[in-house]
Amino acid sequence: ICTNTMHRMADQVQAAISLPLLHIADPT
């Protein structure tokens, strides 16, 4: 997700797909 703000729904997005979602906060 190429924006910090829309990581508000990162968990819901991850739950809806079988691919890994790379959360922007983690590598930072």
Full PDB file with SEQRES, HELIX, SHEET, SSBOND, CRYST1, ORIGX, SCALE, CONECT and MASTER records, all heavy atoms in Angstrom:
SEQRES   1 A   28  ILE CYS THR ASN THR MET HIS ARG MET ALA ASP GLN VAL          
SEQRES   2 A   28  GLN ALA ALA ILE SER LEU PRO LEU LEU HIS ILE ALA ASP          
SEQRES   3 A   28  PRO THR                                                      
HELIX    1 AA1 THR A    5  MET A    9  5                                   5    
HELIX    2 AA2 ALA A   10  ALA A   16  1                                   7    
CRYST1    1.000    1.000    1.000  90.00  90.00  90.00 P 1           1          
ORIGX1      1.000000  0.000000  0.000000        0.00000                         
ORIGX2      0.000000  1.000000  0.000000        0.00000                         
ORIGX3      0.000000  0.000000  1.000000        0.00000                         
SCALE1      1.000000  0.000000  0.000000        0.00000                         
SCALE2      0.000000  1.000000  0.000000        0.00000                         
SCALE3      0.000000  0.000000  1.000000        0.00000                         
ATOM      1  N   ILE A   1       0.873  -1.161   0.000  1.00  0.00           N  
ATOM      2  CA  ILE A   1       0.000   0.000   0.000  1.00  0.00           C  
ATOM      3  C   ILE A   1       0.917   1.220   0.000  1.00  0.00           C  
ATOM      4  O   ILE A   1       1.648   1.444   0.969  1.00  0.00           O  
ATOM      5  CB  ILE A   1      -0.928   0.000   1.226  1.00  0.00           C  
ATOM      6  CG1 ILE A   1      -1.826  -1.245   1.228  1.00  0.00           C  
ATOM      7  CG2 ILE A   1      -1.759   1.275   1.272  1.00  0.00           C  
ATOM      8  CD1 ILE A   1      -2.638  -1.412   2.523  1.00  0.00           C  
ATOM      9  N   CYS A   2       0.887   2.001  -1.084  1.00  0.00           N  
ATOM     10  CA  CYS A   2       1.880   3.074  -1.274  1.00  0.00           C  
ATOM     11  C   CYS A   2       1.449   4.368  -0.591  1.00  0.00           C  
ATOM     12  O   CYS A   2       1.477   5.454  -1.194  1.00  0.00           O  
ATOM     13  CB  CYS A   2       2.112   3.301  -2.760  1.00  0.00           C  
ATOM     14  SG  CYS A   2       2.741   1.854  -3.619  1.00  0.00           S  
ATOM     15  N   THR A   3       1.060   4.273   0.663  1.00  0.00           N  
ATOM     16  CA  THR A   3       0.664   5.404   1.484  1.00  0.00           C  
ATOM     17  C   THR A   3       0.630   4.927   2.921  1.00  0.00           C  
ATOM     18  O   THR A   3       0.226   3.797   3.190  1.00  0.00           O  
ATOM     19  CB  THR A   3      -0.721   5.938   1.079  1.00  0.00           C  
ATOM     20  OG1 THR A   3      -1.277   6.685   2.155  1.00  0.00           O  
ATOM     21  CG2 THR A   3      -1.682   4.830   0.745  1.00  0.00           C  
ATOM     22  N   ASN A   4       1.071   5.776   3.839  1.00  0.00           N  
ATOM     23  CA  ASN A   4       1.022   5.415   5.260  1.00  0.00           C  
ATOM     24  C   ASN A   4      -0.408   5.417   5.787  1.00  0.00           C  
ATOM     25  O   ASN A   4      -0.827   4.498   6.496  1.00  0.00           O  
ATOM     26  CB  ASN A   4       1.870   6.386   6.080  1.00  0.00           C  
ATOM     27  CG  ASN A   4       3.349   6.196   5.870  1.00  0.00           C  
ATOM     28  OD1 ASN A   4       4.025   5.457   6.571  1.00  0.00           O  
ATOM     29  ND2 ASN A   4       3.897   6.887   4.876  1.00  0.00           N  
ATOM     30  N   THR A   5      -1.174   6.448   5.429  1.00  0.00           N  
ATOM     31  CA  THR A   5      -2.507   6.613   6.005  1.00  0.00           C  
ATOM     32  C   THR A   5      -3.397   5.413   5.758  1.00  0.00           C  
ATOM     33  O   THR A   5      -4.126   4.958   6.667  1.00  0.00           O  
ATOM     34  CB  THR A   5      -3.178   7.881   5.433  1.00  0.00           C  
ATOM     35  OG1 THR A   5      -2.410   9.026   5.808  1.00  0.00           O  
ATOM     36  CG2 THR A   5      -4.595   8.030   5.945  1.00  0.00           C  
ATOM     37  N   MET A   6      -3.347   4.857   4.558  1.00  0.00           N  
ATOM     38  CA  MET A   6      -4.258   3.767   4.233  1.00  0.00           C  
ATOM     39  C   MET A   6      -3.813   2.421   4.801  1.00  0.00           C  
ATOM     40  O   MET A   6      -4.471   1.390   4.578  1.00  0.00           O  
ATOM     41  CB  MET A   6      -4.483   3.707   2.727  1.00  0.00           C  
ATOM     42  CG  MET A   6      -5.097   4.985   2.170  1.00  0.00           C  
ATOM     43  SD  MET A   6      -6.657   5.472   2.964  1.00  0.00           S  
ATOM     44  CE  MET A   6      -7.808   4.506   2.007  1.00  0.00           C  
ATOM     45  N   HIS A   7      -2.740   2.423   5.579  1.00  0.00           N  
ATOM     46  CA  HIS A   7      -2.436   1.243   6.387  1.00  0.00           C  
ATOM     47  C   HIS A   7      -3.404   1.125   7.565  1.00  0.00           C  
ATOM     48  O   HIS A   7      -3.342   0.156   8.325  1.00  0.00           O  
ATOM     49  CB  HIS A   7      -0.981   1.262   6.868  1.00  0.00           C  
ATOM     50  CG  HIS A   7      -0.023   0.788   5.801  1.00  0.00           C  
ATOM     51  ND1 HIS A   7       0.302   1.546   4.709  1.00  0.00           N  
ATOM     52  CD2 HIS A   7       0.651  -0.385   5.657  1.00  0.00           C  
ATOM     53  CE1 HIS A   7       1.146   0.874   3.937  1.00  0.00           C  
ATOM     54  NE2 HIS A   7       1.367  -0.306   4.494  1.00  0.00           N  
ATOM     55  N   ARG A   8      -4.287   2.096   7.700  1.00  0.00           N  
ATOM     56  CA  ARG A   8      -5.357   1.998   8.695  1.00  0.00           C  
ATOM     57  C   ARG A   8      -6.149   0.704   8.511  1.00  0.00           C  
ATOM     58  O   ARG A   8      -6.667   0.138   9.471  1.00  0.00           O  
ATOM     59  CB  ARG A   8      -6.289   3.212   8.569  1.00  0.00           C  
ATOM     60  CG  ARG A   8      -7.344   3.337   9.649  1.00  0.00           C  
ATOM     61  CD  ARG A   8      -8.213   4.555   9.377  1.00  0.00           C  
ATOM     62  NE  ARG A   8      -9.015   4.947  10.511  1.00  0.00           N  
ATOM     63  CZ  ARG A   8     -10.187   4.402  10.838  1.00  0.00           C  
ATOM     64  NH1 ARG A   8     -10.691   3.430  10.102  1.00  0.00           N  
ATOM     65  NH2 ARG A   8     -10.862   4.836  11.893  1.00  0.00           N  
ATOM     66  N   MET A   9      -6.268   0.256   7.246  1.00  0.00           N  
ATOM     67  CA  MET A   9      -7.019  -0.973   6.974  1.00  0.00           C  
ATOM     68  C   MET A   9      -6.122  -2.106   6.482  1.00  0.00           C  
ATOM     69  O   MET A   9      -6.563  -3.031   5.824  1.00  0.00           O  
ATOM     70  CB  MET A   9      -8.130  -0.706   5.964  1.00  0.00           C  
ATOM     71  CG  MET A   9      -7.679  -0.198   4.623  1.00  0.00           C  
ATOM     72  SD  MET A   9      -7.315   1.581   4.599  1.00  0.00           S  
ATOM     73  CE  MET A   9      -8.918   2.309   4.905  1.00  0.00           C  
ATOM     74  N   ALA A  10      -4.839  -2.054   6.858  1.00  0.00           N  
ATOM     75  CA  ALA A  10      -3.896  -3.075   6.390  1.00  0.00           C  
ATOM     76  C   ALA A  10      -4.306  -4.480   6.810  1.00  0.00           C  
ATOM     77  O   ALA A  10      -4.194  -5.430   6.030  1.00  0.00           O  
ATOM     78  CB  ALA A  10      -2.490  -2.765   6.892  1.00  0.00           C  
ATOM     79  N   ASP A  11      -4.777  -4.640   8.034  1.00  0.00           N  
ATOM     80  CA  ASP A  11      -5.150  -5.980   8.507  1.00  0.00           C  
ATOM     81  C   ASP A  11      -6.319  -6.536   7.704  1.00  0.00           C  
ATOM     82  O   ASP A  11      -6.332  -7.733   7.356  1.00  0.00           O  
ATOM     83  CB  ASP A  11      -5.500  -5.949   9.992  1.00  0.00           C  
ATOM     84  CG  ASP A  11      -4.285  -5.706  10.877  1.00  0.00           C  
ATOM     85  OD1 ASP A  11      -3.145  -5.870  10.395  1.00  0.00           O  
ATOM     86  OD2 ASP A  11      -4.484  -5.353  12.054  1.00  0.00           O  
ATOM     87  N   GLN A  12      -7.292  -5.684   7.388  1.00  0.00           N  
ATOM     88  CA  GLN A  12      -8.439  -6.155   6.603  1.00  0.00           C  
ATOM     89  C   GLN A  12      -8.029  -6.500   5.178  1.00  0.00           C  
ATOM     90  O   GLN A  12      -8.522  -7.479   4.602  1.00  0.00           O  
ATOM     91  CB  GLN A  12      -9.543  -5.088   6.579  1.00  0.00           C  
ATOM     92  CG  GLN A  12     -10.155  -4.787   7.939  1.00  0.00           C  
ATOM     93  CD  GLN A  12      -9.554  -3.558   8.594  1.00  0.00           C  
ATOM     94  OE1 GLN A  12      -8.327  -3.422   8.658  1.00  0.00           O  
ATOM     95  NE2 GLN A  12     -10.409  -2.652   9.065  1.00  0.00           N  
ATOM     96  N   VAL A  13      -7.127  -5.721   4.613  1.00  0.00           N  
ATOM     97  CA  VAL A  13      -6.643  -6.008   3.269  1.00  0.00           C  
ATOM     98  C   VAL A  13      -5.886  -7.332   3.262  1.00  0.00           C  
ATOM     99  O   VAL A  13      -6.096  -8.184   2.391  1.00  0.00           O  
ATOM    100  CB  VAL A  13      -5.760  -4.858   2.744  1.00  0.00           C  
ATOM    101  CG1 VAL A  13      -5.109  -5.234   1.413  1.00  0.00           C  
ATOM    102  CG2 VAL A  13      -6.579  -3.581   2.592  1.00  0.00           C  
ATOM    103  N   GLN A  14      -5.011  -7.523   4.246  1.00  0.00           N  
ATOM    104  CA  GLN A  14      -4.262  -8.776   4.313  1.00  0.00           C  
ATOM    105  C   GLN A  14      -5.180  -9.975   4.443  1.00  0.00           C  
ATOM    106  O   GLN A  14      -4.966 -11.028   3.819  1.00  0.00           O  
ATOM    107  CB  GLN A  14      -3.273  -8.736   5.483  1.00  0.00           C  
ATOM    108  CG  GLN A  14      -2.462 -10.015   5.664  1.00  0.00           C  
ATOM    109  CD  GLN A  14      -1.534 -10.316   4.491  1.00  0.00           C  
ATOM    110  OE1 GLN A  14      -0.410  -9.887   4.467  1.00  0.00           O  
ATOM    111  NE2 GLN A  14      -2.013 -11.059   3.485  1.00  0.00           N  
ATOM    112  N   ALA A  15      -6.244  -9.835   5.237  1.00  0.00           N  
ATOM    113  CA  ALA A  15      -7.172 -10.951   5.441  1.00  0.00           C  
ATOM    114  C   ALA A  15      -7.943 -11.316   4.173  1.00  0.00           C  
ATOM    115  O   ALA A  15      -8.439 -12.440   4.050  1.00  0.00           O  
ATOM    116  CB  ALA A  15      -8.145 -10.616   6.564  1.00  0.00           C  
ATOM    117  N   ALA A  16      -8.021 -10.377   3.219  1.00  0.00           N  
ATOM    118  CA  ALA A  16      -8.823 -10.594   2.018  1.00  0.00           C  
ATOM    119  C   ALA A  16      -8.030 -11.178   0.854  1.00  0.00           C  
ATOM    120  O   ALA A  16      -8.608 -11.494  -0.191  1.00  0.00           O  
ATOM    121  CB  ALA A  16      -9.465  -9.273   1.592  1.00  0.00           C  
ATOM    122  N   ILE A  17      -6.709 -11.322   1.009  1.00  0.00           N  
ATOM    123  CA  ILE A  17      -5.869 -11.856  -0.066  1.00  0.00           C  
ATOM    124  C   ILE A  17      -4.971 -12.953   0.481  1.00  0.00           C  
ATOM    125  O   ILE A  17      -4.750 -13.055   1.690  1.00  0.00           O  
ATOM    126  CB  ILE A  17      -5.016 -10.746  -0.712  1.00  0.00           C  
ATOM    127  CG1 ILE A  17      -4.128 -10.038   0.326  1.00  0.00           C  
ATOM    128  CG2 ILE A  17      -5.898  -9.745  -1.448  1.00  0.00           C  
ATOM    129  CD1 ILE A  17      -3.170  -9.003  -0.264  1.00  0.00           C  
ATOM    130  N   SER A  18      -4.448 -13.755  -0.419  1.00  0.00           N  
ATOM    131  CA  SER A  18      -3.545 -14.835   0.000  1.00  0.00           C  
ATOM    132  C   SER A  18      -2.082 -14.448  -0.135  1.00  0.00           C  
ATOM    133  O   SER A  18      -1.197 -15.205   0.268  1.00  0.00           O  
ATOM    134  CB  SER A  18      -3.819 -16.096  -0.826  1.00  0.00           C  
ATOM    135  OG  SER A  18      -3.613 -15.841  -2.201  1.00  0.00           O  
ATOM    136  N   LEU A  19      -1.808 -13.268  -0.692  1.00  0.00           N  
ATOM    137  CA  LEU A  19      -0.442 -12.773  -0.840  1.00  0.00           C  
ATOM    138  C   LEU A  19       0.015 -12.074   0.427  1.00  0.00           C  
ATOM    139  O   LEU A  19      -0.803 -11.541   1.170  1.00  0.00           O  
ATOM    140  CB  LEU A  19      -0.366 -11.754  -1.984  1.00  0.00           C  
ATOM    141  CG  LEU A  19      -0.996 -12.106  -3.308  1.00  0.00           C  
ATOM    142  CD1 LEU A  19      -0.879 -10.928  -4.254  1.00  0.00           C  
ATOM    143  CD2 LEU A  19      -0.328 -13.333  -3.884  1.00  0.00           C  
ATOM    144  N   PRO A  20       1.325 -12.023   0.680  1.00  0.00           N  
ATOM    145  CA  PRO A  20       1.804 -11.204   1.801  1.00  0.00           C  
ATOM    146  C   PRO A  20       1.660  -9.723   1.511  1.00  0.00           C  
ATOM    147  O   PRO A  20       1.926  -9.266   0.393  1.00  0.00           O  
ATOM    148  CB  PRO A  20       3.278 -11.618   1.930  1.00  0.00           C  
ATOM    149  CG  PRO A  20       3.663 -12.143   0.587  1.00  0.00           C  
ATOM    150  CD  PRO A  20       2.424 -12.762   0.016  1.00  0.00           C  
ATOM    151  N   LEU A  21       1.225  -8.967   2.513  1.00  0.00           N  
ATOM    152  CA  LEU A  21       1.171  -7.513   2.452  1.00  0.00           C  
ATOM    153  C   LEU A  21       2.360  -6.992   3.247  1.00  0.00           C  
ATOM    154  O   LEU A  21       2.485  -7.282   4.445  1.00  0.00           O  
ATOM    155  CB  LEU A  21      -0.136  -7.006   3.052  1.00  0.00           C  
ATOM    156  CG  LEU A  21      -0.276  -5.485   3.182  1.00  0.00           C  
ATOM    157  CD1 LEU A  21      -0.479  -4.848   1.811  1.00  0.00           C  
ATOM    158  CD2 LEU A  21      -1.445  -5.125   4.098  1.00  0.00           C  
ATOM    159  N   LEU A  22       3.227  -6.239   2.600  1.00  0.00           N  
ATOM    160  CA  LEU A  22       4.403  -5.682   3.272  1.00  0.00           C  
ATOM    161  C   LEU A  22       4.016  -4.369   3.939  1.00  0.00           C  
ATOM    162  O   LEU A  22       3.831  -3.354   3.258  1.00  0.00           O  
ATOM    163  CB  LEU A  22       5.542  -5.473   2.269  1.00  0.00           C  
ATOM    164  CG  LEU A  22       6.825  -4.851   2.816  1.00  0.00           C  
ATOM    165  CD1 LEU A  22       7.421  -5.690   3.933  1.00  0.00           C  
ATOM    166  CD2 LEU A  22       7.846  -4.652   1.692  1.00  0.00           C  
ATOM    167  N   HIS A  23       3.860  -4.385   5.251  1.00  0.00           N  
ATOM    168  CA  HIS A  23       3.405  -3.214   6.001  1.00  0.00           C  
ATOM    169  C   HIS A  23       4.515  -2.175   6.053  1.00  0.00           C  
ATOM    170  O   HIS A  23       5.644  -2.476   6.423  1.00  0.00           O  
ATOM    171  CB  HIS A  23       2.993  -3.632   7.414  1.00  0.00           C  
ATOM    172  CG  HIS A  23       2.169  -2.619   8.144  1.00  0.00           C  
ATOM    173  ND1 HIS A  23       2.666  -1.389   8.525  1.00  0.00           N  
ATOM    174  CD2 HIS A  23       0.873  -2.661   8.570  1.00  0.00           C  
ATOM    175  CE1 HIS A  23       1.711  -0.712   9.155  1.00  0.00           C  
ATOM    176  NE2 HIS A  23       0.614  -1.459   9.183  1.00  0.00           N  
ATOM    177  N   ILE A  24       4.185  -0.930   5.739  1.00  0.00           N  
ATOM    178  CA  ILE A  24       5.189   0.125   5.630  1.00  0.00           C  
ATOM    179  C   ILE A  24       5.904   0.415   6.949  1.00  0.00           C  
ATOM    180  O   ILE A  24       7.071   0.812   6.963  1.00  0.00           O  
ATOM    181  CB  ILE A  24       4.538   1.408   5.064  1.00  0.00           C  
ATOM    182  CG1 ILE A  24       5.592   2.400   4.573  1.00  0.00           C  
ATOM    183  CG2 ILE A  24       3.573   2.038   6.066  1.00  0.00           C  
ATOM    184  CD1 ILE A  24       5.012   3.549   3.746  1.00  0.00           C  
ATOM    185  N   ALA A  25       5.219   0.207   8.070  1.00  0.00           N  
ATOM    186  CA  ALA A  25       5.828   0.527   9.366  1.00  0.00           C  
ATOM    187  C   ALA A  25       6.909  -0.473   9.764  1.00  0.00           C  
ATOM    188  O   ALA A  25       7.827  -0.127  10.517  1.00  0.00           O  
ATOM    189  CB  ALA A  25       4.760   0.591  10.458  1.00  0.00           C  
ATOM    190  N   ASP A  26       6.816  -1.707   9.281  1.00  0.00           N  
ATOM    191  CA  ASP A  26       7.724  -2.750   9.768  1.00  0.00           C  
ATOM    192  C   ASP A  26       9.166  -2.561   9.303  1.00  0.00           C  
ATOM    193  O   ASP A  26      10.086  -2.553  10.146  1.00  0.00           O  
ATOM    194  CB  ASP A  26       7.185  -4.133   9.389  1.00  0.00           C  
ATOM    195  CG  ASP A  26       5.899  -4.476  10.124  1.00  0.00           C  
ATOM    196  OD1 ASP A  26       5.634  -3.872  11.186  1.00  0.00           O  
ATOM    197  OD2 ASP A  26       5.152  -5.341   9.637  1.00  0.00           O  
ATOM    198  N   PRO A  27       9.450  -2.412   8.003  1.00  0.00           N  
ATOM    199  CA  PRO A  27      10.849  -2.182   7.626  1.00  0.00           C  
ATOM    200  C   PRO A  27      11.396  -0.862   8.159  1.00  0.00           C  
ATOM    201  O   PRO A  27      12.588  -0.750   8.448  1.00  0.00           O  
ATOM    202  CB  PRO A  27      10.823  -2.205   6.092  1.00  0.00           C  
ATOM    203  CG  PRO A  27       9.416  -1.934   5.716  1.00  0.00           C  
ATOM    204  CD  PRO A  27       8.579  -2.504   6.814  1.00  0.00           C  
ATOM    205  N   THR A  28      10.508   0.126   8.326  1.00  0.00           N  
ATOM    206  CA  THR A  28      10.942   1.400   8.908  1.00  0.00           C  
ATOM    207  C   THR A  28      11.395   1.192  10.348  1.00  0.00           C  
ATOM    208  O   THR A  28      12.472   1.656  10.757  1.00  0.00           O  
ATOM    209  CB  THR A  28       9.791   2.420   8.847  1.00  0.00           C  
ATOM    210  OG1 THR A  28       9.401   2.618   7.481  1.00  0.00           O  
ATOM    211  CG2 THR A  28      10.219   3.748   9.457  1.00  0.00           C  
TER     212      THR A  28                                                      
MASTER        0    0    0    2    0    0    0    6  211    1    0    3          
END                                                                             
